[in-house]
């Protein structure tokens, strides 16, 4: 997570950039309140299709605390390193208050 604040501007977006041995995925998920944060929930690779799937989840980091009651935009950046070559395609999935959906699919 790089930043979290009340609001909804720019939410539900992600991009993918390919490096020499890694893939960078910056984006923004949406939380139900100001206690929500982003985390890498899953990374999988399908060798048959050459697709890497990155799942970013919004979660309540402080369920016992009182939190500001506002829609929270949470910026994140995930980096996935590969041995033996980069994937052909990266699919980014967000699992947040808007539901679970693919927000970006990029081929290298």
C-alpha atoms as a PDB file:
ATOM      1  CA  UNK A   1       0.000   0.000   0.000  1.00  0.00           C
ATOM      2  CA  UNK A   2       1.311   3.434  -0.854  1.00  0.00           C
ATOM      3  CA  UNK A   3      -1.573   5.714   0.224  1.00  0.00           C
ATOM      4  CA  UNK A   4      -5.159   5.617   1.553  1.00  0.00           C
ATOM      5  CA  UNK A   5      -7.652   8.463   1.765  1.00  0.00           C
ATOM      6  CA  UNK A   6     -11.375   9.154   1.715  1.00  0.00           C
ATOM      7  CA  UNK A   7     -12.888   9.630  -1.734  1.00  0.00           C
ATOM      8  CA  UNK A   8     -13.543   7.650  -4.875  1.00  0.00           C
ATOM      9  CA  UNK A   9     -11.481   9.350  -7.593  1.00  0.00           C
ATOM     10  CA  UNK A  10      -9.311   6.963  -9.608  1.00  0.00           C
ATOM     11  CA  UNK A  11     -10.603   3.873  -7.852  1.00  0.00           C
ATOM     12  CA  UNK A  12     -10.708   0.478  -9.505  1.00  0.00           C
ATOM     13  CA  UNK A  13      -7.815   1.053 -11.873  1.00  0.00           C
ATOM     14  CA  UNK A  14      -4.494  -0.702 -12.450  1.00  0.00           C
ATOM     15  CA  UNK A  15      -1.685  -0.710 -14.986  1.00  0.00           C
ATOM     16  CA  UNK A  16       1.107  -3.130 -15.796  1.00  0.00           C
ATOM     17  CA  UNK A  17       4.701  -2.445 -16.827  1.00  0.00           C
ATOM     18  CA  UNK A  18       7.201  -5.111 -17.848  1.00  0.00           C
ATOM     19  CA  UNK A  19      10.825  -4.884 -16.694  1.00  0.00           C
ATOM     20  CA  UNK A  20      13.733  -7.180 -17.506  1.00  0.00           C
ATOM     21  CA  UNK A  21      12.933  -9.776 -14.784  1.00  0.00           C
ATOM     22  CA  UNK A  22       9.827  -8.336 -13.102  1.00  0.00           C
ATOM     23  CA  UNK A  23       6.367  -6.946 -13.640  1.00  0.00           C
ATOM     24  CA  UNK A  24       5.160  -3.846 -11.777  1.00  0.00           C
ATOM     25  CA  UNK A  25       1.460  -3.361 -11.045  1.00  0.00           C
ATOM     26  CA  UNK A  26       0.405   0.010  -9.593  1.00  0.00           C
ATOM     27  CA  UNK A  27      -3.286   0.608  -8.992  1.00  0.00           C
ATOM     28  CA  UNK A  28      -6.098   1.670  -6.699  1.00  0.00           C
ATOM     29  CA  UNK A  29      -8.678  -0.432  -4.829  1.00  0.00           C
ATOM     30  CA  UNK A  30     -11.684   0.731  -2.787  1.00  0.00           C
ATOM     31  CA  UNK A  31     -12.312   0.054   0.905  1.00  0.00           C
ATOM     32  CA  UNK A  32     -15.521   0.277   2.938  1.00  0.00           C
ATOM     33  CA  UNK A  33     -13.974   2.648   5.503  1.00  0.00           C
ATOM     34  CA  UNK A  34     -10.679   4.300   6.487  1.00  0.00           C
ATOM     35  CA  UNK A  35      -9.381   1.127   8.214  1.00  0.00           C
ATOM     36  CA  UNK A  36      -9.144  -0.707   4.885  1.00  0.00           C
ATOM     37  CA  UNK A  37      -5.757  -1.384   3.296  1.00  0.00           C
ATOM     38  CA  UNK A  38      -4.539  -3.235   0.201  1.00  0.00           C
ATOM     39  CA  UNK A  39      -2.595  -6.485   0.093  1.00  0.00           C
ATOM     40  CA  UNK A  40      -1.394  -8.967  -2.464  1.00  0.00           C
ATOM     41  CA  UNK A  41      -3.901 -11.816  -2.083  1.00  0.00           C
ATOM     42  CA  UNK A  42      -2.644 -14.178  -4.789  1.00  0.00           C
ATOM     43  CA  UNK A  43      -0.248 -14.563  -7.698  1.00  0.00           C
ATOM     44  CA  UNK A  44      -0.633 -17.465 -10.096  1.00  0.00           C
ATOM     45  CA  UNK A  45       0.938 -18.425 -13.401  1.00  0.00           C
ATOM     46  CA  UNK A  46      -0.694 -20.527 -16.122  1.00  0.00           C
ATOM     47  CA  UNK A  47       2.142 -21.931 -18.242  1.00  0.00           C
ATOM     48  CA  UNK A  48      -0.246 -23.121 -20.962  1.00  0.00           C
ATOM     49  CA  UNK A  49      -1.515 -19.605 -21.696  1.00  0.00           C
ATOM     50  CA  UNK A  50       1.566 -17.705 -20.467  1.00  0.00           C
ATOM     51  CA  UNK A  51      -0.654 -15.640 -18.174  1.00  0.00           C
ATOM     52  CA  UNK A  52       0.220 -14.334 -14.717  1.00  0.00           C
ATOM     53  CA  UNK A  53      -2.776 -13.406 -12.566  1.00  0.00           C
ATOM     54  CA  UNK A  54      -2.259 -10.876  -9.761  1.00  0.00           C
ATOM     55  CA  UNK A  55      -5.067 -10.473  -7.197  1.00  0.00           C
ATOM     56  CA  UNK A  56      -5.100  -7.384  -4.974  1.00  0.00           C
ATOM     57  CA  UNK A  57      -7.485  -7.408  -2.023  1.00  0.00           C
ATOM     58  CA  UNK A  58      -8.876  -4.585   0.100  1.00  0.00           C
ATOM     59  CA  UNK A  59      -9.175  -5.756   3.716  1.00  0.00           C
ATOM     60  CA  UNK A  60     -10.056  -4.314   7.119  1.00  0.00           C
ATOM     61  CA  UNK A  61      -6.671  -3.895   8.818  1.00  0.00           C
ATOM     62  CA  UNK A  62      -8.168  -2.728  12.145  1.00  0.00           C
ATOM     63  CA  UNK A  63     -11.473  -4.524  12.755  1.00  0.00           C
ATOM     64  CA  UNK A  64     -11.424  -3.659  16.477  1.00  0.00           C
ATOM     65  CA  UNK A  65     -10.951   0.102  15.973  1.00  0.00           C
ATOM     66  CA  UNK A  66     -13.341   2.913  15.158  1.00  0.00           C
ATOM     67  CA  UNK A  67     -12.697   4.088  11.617  1.00  0.00           C
ATOM     68  CA  UNK A  68     -13.738   7.090   9.582  1.00  0.00           C
ATOM     69  CA  UNK A  69     -16.901   6.090   7.741  1.00  0.00           C
ATOM     70  CA  UNK A  70     -16.036   6.980   4.178  1.00  0.00           C
ATOM     71  CA  UNK A  71     -15.314   5.210   0.932  1.00  0.00           C
ATOM     72  CA  UNK A  72     -11.522   4.838   1.002  1.00  0.00           C
ATOM     73  CA  UNK A  73      -9.292   4.889  -2.071  1.00  0.00           C
ATOM     74  CA  UNK A  74      -6.189   2.763  -1.462  1.00  0.00           C
ATOM     75  CA  UNK A  75      -3.176   3.105  -3.757  1.00  0.00           C
ATOM     76  CA  UNK A  76      -0.805   0.154  -4.045  1.00  0.00           C
ATOM     77  CA  UNK A  77       2.133  -1.090  -6.076  1.00  0.00           C
ATOM     78  CA  UNK A  78       2.966  -4.776  -6.444  1.00  0.00           C
ATOM     79  CA  UNK A  79       6.138  -6.130  -8.046  1.00  0.00           C
ATOM     80  CA  UNK A  80       6.383  -9.750  -9.167  1.00  0.00           C
ATOM     81  CA  UNK A  81       9.789 -11.178 -10.120  1.00  0.00           C
ATOM     82  CA  UNK A  82      10.215 -14.109 -12.515  1.00  0.00           C
ATOM     83  CA  UNK A  83      12.943 -16.666 -13.169  1.00  0.00           C
ATOM     84  CA  UNK A  84      13.239 -17.982 -16.715  1.00  0.00           C
ATOM     85  CA  UNK A  85      11.425 -15.186 -18.533  1.00  0.00           C
ATOM     86  CA  UNK A  86       8.438 -12.924 -18.177  1.00  0.00           C
ATOM     87  CA  UNK A  87       4.823 -13.975 -18.753  1.00  0.00           C
ATOM     88  CA  UNK A  88       3.164 -13.158 -22.070  1.00  0.00           C
ATOM     89  CA  UNK A  89       0.164 -11.557 -20.355  1.00  0.00           C
ATOM     90  CA  UNK A  90      -0.595 -10.128 -16.903  1.00  0.00           C
ATOM     91  CA  UNK A  91      -4.157 -10.019 -15.603  1.00  0.00           C
ATOM     92  CA  UNK A  92      -4.899  -7.793 -12.576  1.00  0.00           C
ATOM     93  CA  UNK A  93      -7.912  -8.644 -10.416  1.00  0.00           C
ATOM     94  CA  UNK A  94      -9.277  -6.435  -7.638  1.00  0.00           C
ATOM     95  CA  UNK A  95     -11.226  -7.943  -4.749  1.00  0.00           C
ATOM     96  CA  UNK A  96     -12.711  -4.957  -2.930  1.00  0.00           C
ATOM     97  CA  UNK A  97     -16.026  -3.384  -1.939  1.00  0.00           C
ATOM     98  CA  UNK A  98     -16.995  -3.221  -5.620  1.00  0.00           C
ATOM     99  CA  UNK A  99     -16.661  -7.020  -5.871  1.00  0.00           C
ATOM    100  CA  UNK A 100     -14.105  -9.221  -7.588  1.00  0.00           C
ATOM    101  CA  UNK A 101     -13.300  -8.119 -11.140  1.00  0.00           C
ATOM    102  CA  UNK A 102     -10.508  -7.977 -13.700  1.00  0.00           C
ATOM    103  CA  UNK A 103      -9.357  -4.358 -14.001  1.00  0.00           C
ATOM    104  CA  UNK A 104      -6.407  -4.749 -16.386  1.00  0.00           C
ATOM    105  CA  UNK A 105      -5.070  -7.269 -18.883  1.00  0.00           C
ATOM    106  CA  UNK A 106      -1.753  -6.378 -20.534  1.00  0.00           C
ATOM    107  CA  UNK A 107       0.459  -8.296 -22.906  1.00  0.00           C
ATOM    108  CA  UNK A 108       4.220  -7.753 -22.918  1.00  0.00           C
END
